Amino acid sequence: MKRLRWDPPEAKRSLPKHPYRDSALLYGALAVLVVVISVATGGGFVRALVYAVVVFLIATAWSWRSWRNREREERIRKAEQGE
């Protein structure tokens, strides 16, 4: 019988070149998509725009915080290894 392994992979992925810009662009595109779909289905433009902006700001802030923490952890790991 084969066992499933739920352990994370040993090798960590490297950071993207522009993580902050990329996440802001992604969430911006998703916000625009929400507004377009809302208007196309008969929803209110202003209401959709307000929700899209609020969710964009929250999601972008969350991902930027995550990137900052990941960068800090990587700096600490490199300092401990003497790199």
PDB file of N, CA and C in Angstrom:
ATOM      1  N   MET A   1       0.839  -1.173   0.000  1.00  0.00           N
ATOM      2  CA  MET A   1       0.000   0.000   0.000  1.00  0.00           C
ATOM      3  C   MET A   1       0.893   1.250   0.000  1.00  0.00           C
ATOM      4  N   LYS A   2       0.551   2.201  -0.821  1.00  0.00           N
ATOM      5  CA  LYS A   2       1.332   3.422  -0.939  1.00  0.00           C
ATOM      6  C   LYS A   2       0.806   4.470   0.044  1.00  0.00           C
ATOM      7  N   ARG A   3       1.738   5.154   0.736  1.00  0.00           N
ATOM      8  CA  ARG A   3       1.331   6.171   1.717  1.00  0.00           C
ATOM      9  C   ARG A   3       1.432   7.556   1.100  1.00  0.00           C
ATOM     10  N   LEU A   4       0.469   8.377   1.418  1.00  0.00           N
ATOM     11  CA  LEU A   4       0.512   9.767   0.970  1.00  0.00           C
ATOM     12  C   LEU A   4       1.429  10.550   1.887  1.00  0.00           C
ATOM     13  N   ARG A   5       2.206  11.456   1.311  1.00  0.00           N
ATOM     14  CA  ARG A   5       3.108  12.289   2.105  1.00  0.00           C
ATOM     15  C   ARG A   5       2.612  13.720   2.050  1.00  0.00           C
ATOM     16  N   TRP A   6       2.394  14.295   3.185  1.00  0.00           N
ATOM     17  CA  TRP A   6       1.881  15.658   3.270  1.00  0.00           C
ATOM     18  C   TRP A   6       2.955  16.649   3.699  1.00  0.00           C
ATOM     19  N   ASP A   7       4.197  16.194   3.757  1.00  0.00           N
ATOM     20  CA  ASP A   7       5.288  17.079   4.151  1.00  0.00           C
ATOM     21  C   ASP A   7       5.568  18.081   3.040  1.00  0.00           C
ATOM     22  N   PRO A   8       5.914  19.314   3.412  1.00  0.00           N
ATOM     23  CA  PRO A   8       6.242  20.299   2.371  1.00  0.00           C
ATOM     24  C   PRO A   8       7.553  19.917   1.696  1.00  0.00           C
ATOM     25  N   PRO A   9       7.715  20.306   0.441  1.00  0.00           N
ATOM     26  CA  PRO A   9       8.968  19.985  -0.240  1.00  0.00           C
ATOM     27  C   PRO A   9      10.141  20.688   0.434  1.00  0.00           C
ATOM     28  N   GLU A  10      11.298  20.061   0.383  1.00  0.00           N
ATOM     29  CA  GLU A  10      12.488  20.601   1.038  1.00  0.00           C
ATOM     30  C   GLU A  10      12.958  21.895   0.384  1.00  0.00           C
ATOM     31  N   ALA A  11      12.979  21.921  -0.921  1.00  0.00           N
ATOM     32  CA  ALA A  11      13.486  23.103  -1.633  1.00  0.00           C
ATOM     33  C   ALA A  11      12.411  24.185  -1.656  1.00  0.00           C
ATOM     34  N   LYS A  12      12.784  25.379  -1.202  1.00  0.00           N
ATOM     35  CA  LYS A  12      11.837  26.488  -1.235  1.00  0.00           C
ATOM     36  C   LYS A  12      11.924  27.194  -2.579  1.00  0.00           C
ATOM     37  N   ARG A  13      10.810  27.725  -3.008  1.00  0.00           N
ATOM     38  CA  ARG A  13      10.800  28.485  -4.253  1.00  0.00           C
ATOM     39  C   ARG A  13      11.469  29.826  -4.019  1.00  0.00           C
ATOM     40  N   SER A  14      12.130  30.306  -5.033  1.00  0.00           N
ATOM     41  CA  SER A  14      12.775  31.613  -4.908  1.00  0.00           C
ATOM     42  C   SER A  14      11.736  32.717  -5.084  1.00  0.00           C
ATOM     43  N   LEU A  15      12.067  33.881  -4.592  1.00  0.00           N
ATOM     44  CA  LEU A  15      11.160  35.017  -4.714  1.00  0.00           C
ATOM     45  C   LEU A  15      11.101  35.492  -6.164  1.00  0.00           C
ATOM     46  N   PRO A  16       9.926  35.927  -6.616  1.00  0.00           N
ATOM     47  CA  PRO A  16       9.847  36.508  -7.956  1.00  0.00           C
ATOM     48  C   PRO A  16      10.657  37.797  -8.025  1.00  0.00           C
ATOM     49  N   LYS A  17      10.923  38.255  -9.241  1.00  0.00           N
ATOM     50  CA  LYS A  17      11.717  39.469  -9.415  1.00  0.00           C
ATOM     51  C   LYS A  17      11.014  40.706  -8.846  1.00  0.00           C
ATOM     52  N   HIS A  18       9.722  40.822  -9.085  1.00  0.00           N
ATOM     53  CA  HIS A  18       8.947  41.988  -8.646  1.00  0.00           C
ATOM     54  C   HIS A  18       7.664  41.530  -7.929  1.00  0.00           C
ATOM     55  N   PRO A  19       7.772  40.986  -6.729  1.00  0.00           N
ATOM     56  CA  PRO A  19       6.586  40.420  -6.085  1.00  0.00           C
ATOM     57  C   PRO A  19       5.529  41.461  -5.737  1.00  0.00           C
ATOM     58  N   TYR A  20       5.937  42.653  -5.325  1.00  0.00           N
ATOM     59  CA  TYR A  20       4.964  43.676  -4.928  1.00  0.00           C
ATOM     60  C   TYR A  20       4.194  44.188  -6.138  1.00  0.00           C
ATOM     61  N   ARG A  21       4.918  44.486  -7.205  1.00  0.00           N
ATOM     62  CA  ARG A  21       4.268  44.972  -8.418  1.00  0.00           C
ATOM     63  C   ARG A  21       3.351  43.900  -9.001  1.00  0.00           C
ATOM     64  N   ASP A  22       3.843  42.665  -9.055  1.00  0.00           N
ATOM     65  CA  ASP A  22       3.059  41.583  -9.643  1.00  0.00           C
ATOM     66  C   ASP A  22       1.758  41.347  -8.887  1.00  0.00           C
ATOM     67  N   SER A  23       1.824  41.361  -7.560  1.00  0.00           N
ATOM     68  CA  SER A  23       0.597  41.129  -6.799  1.00  0.00           C
ATOM     69  C   SER A  23      -0.376  42.292  -6.956  1.00  0.00           C
ATOM     70  N   ALA A  24       0.129  43.524  -7.006  1.00  0.00           N
ATOM     71  CA  ALA A  24      -0.762  44.673  -7.214  1.00  0.00           C
ATOM     72  C   ALA A  24      -1.420  44.607  -8.589  1.00  0.00           C
ATOM     73  N   LEU A  25      -0.666  44.217  -9.620  1.00  0.00           N
ATOM     74  CA  LEU A  25      -1.242  44.097 -10.960  1.00  0.00           C
ATOM     75  C   LEU A  25      -2.295  42.994 -11.018  1.00  0.00           C
ATOM     76  N   LEU A  26      -2.016  41.864 -10.378  1.00  0.00           N
ATOM     77  CA  LEU A  26      -2.979  40.765 -10.368  1.00  0.00           C
ATOM     78  C   LEU A  26      -4.282  41.178  -9.689  1.00  0.00           C
ATOM     79  N   TYR A  27      -4.178  41.757  -8.495  1.00  0.00           N
ATOM     80  CA  TYR A  27      -5.390  42.152  -7.781  1.00  0.00           C
ATOM     81  C   TYR A  27      -6.106  43.313  -8.475  1.00  0.00           C
ATOM     82  N   GLY A  28      -5.354  44.172  -9.141  1.00  0.00           N
ATOM     83  CA  GLY A  28      -5.980  45.241  -9.927  1.00  0.00           C
ATOM     84  C   GLY A  28      -6.787  44.674 -11.079  1.00  0.00           C
ATOM     85  N   ALA A  29      -6.221  43.693 -11.772  1.00  0.00           N
ATOM     86  CA  ALA A  29      -6.940  43.057 -12.882  1.00  0.00           C
ATOM     87  C   ALA A  29      -8.197  42.351 -12.376  1.00  0.00           C
ATOM     88  N   LEU A  30      -8.103  41.694 -11.234  1.00  0.00           N
ATOM     89  CA  LEU A  30      -9.279  41.029 -10.673  1.00  0.00           C
ATOM     90  C   LEU A  30     -10.347  42.041 -10.259  1.00  0.00           C
ATOM     91  N   ALA A  31      -9.927  43.187  -9.738  1.00  0.00           N
ATOM     92  CA  ALA A  31     -10.886  44.236  -9.360  1.00  0.00           C
ATOM     93  C   ALA A  31     -11.617  44.763 -10.589  1.00  0.00           C
ATOM     94  N   VAL A  32     -10.877  44.992 -11.665  1.00  0.00           N
ATOM     95  CA  VAL A  32     -11.504  45.451 -12.914  1.00  0.00           C
ATOM     96  C   VAL A  32     -12.479  44.398 -13.421  1.00  0.00           C
ATOM     97  N   LEU A  33     -12.096  43.126 -13.333  1.00  0.00           N
ATOM     98  CA  LEU A  33     -12.972  42.047 -13.774  1.00  0.00           C
ATOM     99  C   LEU A  33     -14.272  42.013 -12.964  1.00  0.00           C
ATOM    100  N   VAL A  34     -14.179  42.241 -11.670  1.00  0.00           N
ATOM    101  CA  VAL A  34     -15.381  42.275 -10.821  1.00  0.00           C
ATOM    102  C   VAL A  34     -16.313  43.396 -11.259  1.00  0.00           C
ATOM    103  N   VAL A  35     -15.752  44.563 -11.528  1.00  0.00           N
ATOM    104  CA  VAL A  35     -16.579  45.700 -11.950  1.00  0.00           C
ATOM    105  C   VAL A  35     -17.223  45.418 -13.308  1.00  0.00           C
ATOM    106  N   VAL A  36     -16.457  44.876 -14.240  1.00  0.00           N
ATOM    107  CA  VAL A  36     -16.989  44.589 -15.580  1.00  0.00           C
ATOM    108  C   VAL A  36     -18.109  43.561 -15.503  1.00  0.00           C
ATOM    109  N   ILE A  37     -17.909  42.494 -14.742  1.00  0.00           N
ATOM    110  CA  ILE A  37     -18.944  41.467 -14.618  1.00  0.00           C
ATOM    111  C   ILE A  37     -20.181  42.027 -13.934  1.00  0.00           C
ATOM    112  N   SER A  38     -19.980  42.856 -12.918  1.00  0.00           N
ATOM    113  CA  SER A  38     -21.120  43.451 -12.216  1.00  0.00           C
ATOM    114  C   SER A  38     -21.956  44.328 -13.149  1.00  0.00           C
ATOM    115  N   VAL A  39     -21.284  45.173 -13.907  1.00  0.00           N
ATOM    116  CA  VAL A  39     -22.009  46.056 -14.831  1.00  0.00           C
ATOM    117  C   VAL A  39     -22.671  45.240 -15.932  1.00  0.00           C
ATOM    118  N   ALA A  40     -21.982  44.215 -16.434  1.00  0.00           N
ATOM    119  CA  ALA A  40     -22.534  43.382 -17.508  1.00  0.00           C
ATOM    120  C   ALA A  40     -23.760  42.607 -17.066  1.00  0.00           C
ATOM    121  N   THR A  41     -23.856  42.300 -15.782  1.00  0.00           N
ATOM    122  CA  THR A  41     -25.006  41.530 -15.295  1.00  0.00           C
ATOM    123  C   THR A  41     -26.078  42.421 -14.672  1.00  0.00           C
ATOM    124  N   GLY A  42     -25.932  43.736 -14.840  1.00  0.00           N
ATOM    125  CA  GLY A  42     -26.971  44.645 -14.381  1.00  0.00           C
ATOM    126  C   GLY A  42     -26.776  45.196 -12.982  1.00  0.00           C
ATOM    127  N   GLY A  43     -25.615  44.990 -12.392  1.00  0.00           N
ATOM    128  CA  GLY A  43     -25.335  45.522 -11.063  1.00  0.00           C
ATOM    129  C   GLY A  43     -24.968  46.998 -11.130  1.00  0.00           C
ATOM    130  N   GLY A  44     -24.920  47.621  -9.997  1.00  0.00           N
ATOM    131  CA  GLY A  44     -24.578  49.027  -9.933  1.00  0.00           C
ATOM    132  C   GLY A  44     -23.076  49.249 -10.098  1.00  0.00           C
ATOM    133  N   PHE A  45     -22.711  50.209 -10.928  1.00  0.00           N
ATOM    134  CA  PHE A  45     -21.298  50.492 -11.195  1.00  0.00           C
ATOM    135  C   PHE A  45     -20.588  51.021  -9.956  1.00  0.00           C
ATOM    136  N   VAL A  46     -21.194  52.007  -9.298  1.00  0.00           N
ATOM    137  CA  VAL A  46     -20.541  52.640  -8.148  1.00  0.00           C
ATOM    138  C   VAL A  46     -20.364  51.634  -7.011  1.00  0.00           C
ATOM    139  N   ARG A  47     -21.384  50.865  -6.747  1.00  0.00           N
ATOM    140  CA  ARG A  47     -21.298  49.862  -5.674  1.00  0.00           C
ATOM    141  C   ARG A  47     -20.204  48.834  -5.983  1.00  0.00           C
ATOM    142  N   ALA A  48     -20.159  48.351  -7.221  1.00  0.00           N
ATOM    143  CA  ALA A  48     -19.138  47.378  -7.614  1.00  0.00           C
ATOM    144  C   ALA A  48     -17.751  47.991  -7.523  1.00  0.00           C
ATOM    145  N   LEU A  49     -17.629  49.241  -7.914  1.00  0.00           N
ATOM    146  CA  LEU A  49     -16.332  49.920  -7.863  1.00  0.00           C
ATOM    147  C   LEU A  49     -15.850  50.069  -6.420  1.00  0.00           C
ATOM    148  N   VAL A  50     -16.754  50.432  -5.526  1.00  0.00           N
ATOM    149  CA  VAL A  50     -16.382  50.586  -4.114  1.00  0.00           C
ATOM    150  C   VAL A  50     -15.926  49.251  -3.540  1.00  0.00           C
ATOM    151  N   TYR A  51     -16.684  48.182  -3.782  1.00  0.00           N
ATOM    152  CA  TYR A  51     -16.295  46.868  -3.278  1.00  0.00           C
ATOM    153  C   TYR A  51     -14.969  46.413  -3.890  1.00  0.00           C
ATOM    154  N   ALA A  52     -14.801  46.633  -5.181  1.00  0.00           N
ATOM    155  CA  ALA A  52     -13.568  46.210  -5.851  1.00  0.00           C
ATOM    156  C   ALA A  52     -12.358  46.943  -5.283  1.00  0.00           C
ATOM    157  N   VAL A  53     -12.487  48.237  -5.026  1.00  0.00           N
ATOM    158  CA  VAL A  53     -11.372  49.010  -4.470  1.00  0.00           C
ATOM    159  C   VAL A  53     -11.046  48.541  -3.055  1.00  0.00           C
ATOM    160  N   VAL A  54     -12.065  48.312  -2.249  1.00  0.00           N
ATOM    161  CA  VAL A  54     -11.834  47.862  -0.869  1.00  0.00           C
ATOM    162  C   VAL A  54     -11.148  46.496  -0.860  1.00  0.00           C
ATOM    163  N   VAL A  55     -11.645  45.566  -1.656  1.00  0.00           N
ATOM    164  CA  VAL A  55     -11.046  44.230  -1.695  1.00  0.00           C
ATOM    165  C   VAL A  55      -9.639  44.300  -2.286  1.00  0.00           C
ATOM    166  N   PHE A  56      -9.425  45.146  -3.292  1.00  0.00           N
ATOM    167  CA  PHE A  56      -8.093  45.325  -3.866  1.00  0.00           C
ATOM    168  C   PHE A  56      -7.111  45.797  -2.797  1.00  0.00           C
ATOM    169  N   LEU A  57      -7.501  46.787  -2.016  1.00  0.00           N
ATOM    170  CA  LEU A  57      -6.609  47.323  -0.988  1.00  0.00           C
ATOM    171  C   LEU A  57      -6.291  46.284   0.093  1.00  0.00           C
ATOM    172  N   ILE A  58      -7.302  45.554   0.525  1.00  0.00           N
ATOM    173  CA  ILE A  58      -7.088  44.541   1.558  1.00  0.00           C
ATOM    174  C   ILE A  58      -6.200  43.413   1.030  1.00  0.00           C
ATOM    175  N   ALA A  59      -6.506  42.909  -0.164  1.00  0.00           N
ATOM    176  CA  ALA A  59      -5.732  41.801  -0.730  1.00  0.00           C
ATOM    177  C   ALA A  59      -4.292  42.210  -1.009  1.00  0.00           C
ATOM    178  N   THR A  60      -4.101  43.413  -1.540  1.00  0.00           N
ATOM    179  CA  THR A  60      -2.751  43.888  -1.837  1.00  0.00           C
ATOM    180  C   THR A  60      -1.961  44.081  -0.550  1.00  0.00           C
ATOM    181  N   ALA A  61      -2.564  44.668   0.454  1.00  0.00           N
ATOM    182  CA  ALA A  61      -1.875  44.864   1.732  1.00  0.00           C
ATOM    183  C   ALA A  61      -1.495  43.515   2.349  1.00  0.00           C
ATOM    184  N   TRP A  62      -2.391  42.541   2.274  1.00  0.00           N
ATOM    185  CA  TRP A  62      -2.115  41.226   2.833  1.00  0.00           C
ATOM    186  C   TRP A  62      -0.948  40.563   2.097  1.00  0.00           C
ATOM    187  N   SER A  63      -0.962  40.623   0.779  1.00  0.00           N
ATOM    188  CA  SER A  63       0.112  39.956   0.039  1.00  0.00           C
ATOM    189  C   SER A  63       1.437  40.686   0.228  1.00  0.00           C
ATOM    190  N   TRP A  64       1.418  42.019   0.300  1.00  0.00           N
ATOM    191  CA  TRP A  64       2.663  42.767   0.533  1.00  0.00           C
ATOM    192  C   TRP A  64       3.233  42.432   1.911  1.00  0.00           C
ATOM    193  N   ARG A  65       2.361  42.274   2.894  1.00  0.00           N
ATOM    194  CA  ARG A  65       2.816  41.884   4.230  1.00  0.00           C
ATOM    195  C   ARG A  65       3.435  40.495   4.186  1.00  0.00           C
ATOM    196  N   SER A  66       2.816  39.580   3.452  1.00  0.00           N
ATOM    197  CA  SER A  66       3.346  38.225   3.320  1.00  0.00           C
ATOM    198  C   SER A  66       4.703  38.230   2.620  1.00  0.00           C
ATOM    199  N   TRP A  67       4.842  39.039   1.568  1.00  0.00           N
ATOM    200  CA  TRP A  67       6.133  39.123   0.869  1.00  0.00           C
ATOM    201  C   TRP A  67       7.205  39.690   1.790  1.00  0.00           C
ATOM    202  N   ARG A  68       6.840  40.722   2.541  1.00  0.00           N
ATOM    203  CA  ARG A  68       7.814  41.332   3.451  1.00  0.00           C
ATOM    204  C   ARG A  68       8.276  40.317   4.498  1.00  0.00           C
ATOM    205  N   ASN A  69       7.346  39.545   5.065  1.00  0.00           N
ATOM    206  CA  ASN A  69       7.704  38.516   6.044  1.00  0.00           C
ATOM    207  C   ASN A  69       8.581  37.442   5.422  1.00  0.00           C
ATOM    208  N   ARG A  70       8.254  37.049   4.208  1.00  0.00           N
ATOM    209  CA  ARG A  70       9.051  36.024   3.533  1.00  0.00           C
ATOM    210  C   ARG A  70      10.470  36.528   3.246  1.00  0.00           C
ATOM    211  N   GLU A  71      10.586  37.782   2.825  1.00  0.00           N
ATOM    212  CA  GLU A  71      11.913  38.360   2.582  1.00  0.00           C
ATOM    213  C   GLU A  71      12.715  38.433   3.878  1.00  0.00           C
ATOM    214  N   ARG A  72      12.056  38.818   4.958  1.00  0.00           N
ATOM    215  CA  ARG A  72      12.735  38.895   6.259  1.00  0.00           C
ATOM    216  C   ARG A  72      13.221  37.515   6.689  1.00  0.00           C
ATOM    217  N   GLU A  73      12.380  36.492   6.540  1.00  0.00           N
ATOM    218  CA  GLU A  73      12.775  35.131   6.899  1.00  0.00           C
ATOM    219  C   GLU A  73      13.960  34.658   6.061  1.00  0.00           C
ATOM    220  N   GLU A  74      13.950  35.015   4.784  1.00  0.00           N
ATOM    221  CA  GLU A  74      15.057  34.612   3.916  1.00  0.00           C
ATOM    222  C   GLU A  74      16.360  35.309   4.325  1.00  0.00           C
ATOM    223  N   ARG A  75      16.275  36.599   4.690  1.00  0.00           N
ATOM    224  CA  ARG A  75      17.475  37.310   5.159  1.00  0.00           C
ATOM    225  C   ARG A  75      18.018  36.680   6.443  1.00  0.00           C
ATOM    226  N   ILE A  76      17.134  36.318   7.360  1.00  0.00           N
ATOM    227  CA  ILE A  76      17.552  35.693   8.615  1.00  0.00           C
ATOM    228  C   ILE A  76      18.185  34.337   8.335  1.00  0.00           C
ATOM    229  N   ARG A  77      17.582  33.552   7.441  1.00  0.00           N
ATOM    230  CA  ARG A  77      18.128  32.244   7.106  1.00  0.00           C
ATOM    231  C   ARG A  77      19.515  32.375   6.492  1.00  0.00           C
ATOM    232  N   LYS A  78      19.692  33.339   5.594  1.00  0.00           N
ATOM    233  CA  LYS A  78      20.996  33.537   4.966  1.00  0.00           C
ATOM    234  C   LYS A  78      22.035  34.005   6.004  1.00  0.00           C
ATOM    235  N   ALA A  79      21.607  34.847   6.932  1.00  0.00           N
ATOM    236  CA  ALA A  79      22.549  35.331   7.963  1.00  0.00           C
ATOM    237  C   ALA A  79      22.978  34.182   8.886  1.00  0.00           C
ATOM    238  N   GLU A  80      22.052  33.286   9.180  1.00  0.00           N
ATOM    239  CA  GLU A  80      22.375  32.139  10.030  1.00  0.00           C
ATOM    240  C   GLU A  80      23.314  31.165   9.330  1.00  0.00           C
ATOM    241  N   GLN A  81      23.197  31.078   8.005  1.00  0.00           N
ATOM    242  CA  GLN A  81      24.058  30.174   7.248  1.00  0.00           C
ATOM    243  C   GLN A  81      25.398  30.818   6.916  1.00  0.00           C
ATOM    244  N   GLY A  82      25.526  32.092   7.201  1.00  0.00           N
ATOM    245  CA  GLY A  82      26.777  32.798   6.951  1.00  0.00           C
ATOM    246  C   GLY A  82      26.997  33.170   5.500  1.00  0.00           C
ATOM    247  N   GLU A  83      25.931  33.350   4.765  1.00  0.00           N
ATOM    248  CA  GLU A  83      26.047  33.712   3.345  1.00  0.00           C
ATOM    249  C   GLU A  83      26.241  35.198   3.182  1.00  0.00           C
TER     250      GLU A  83
END
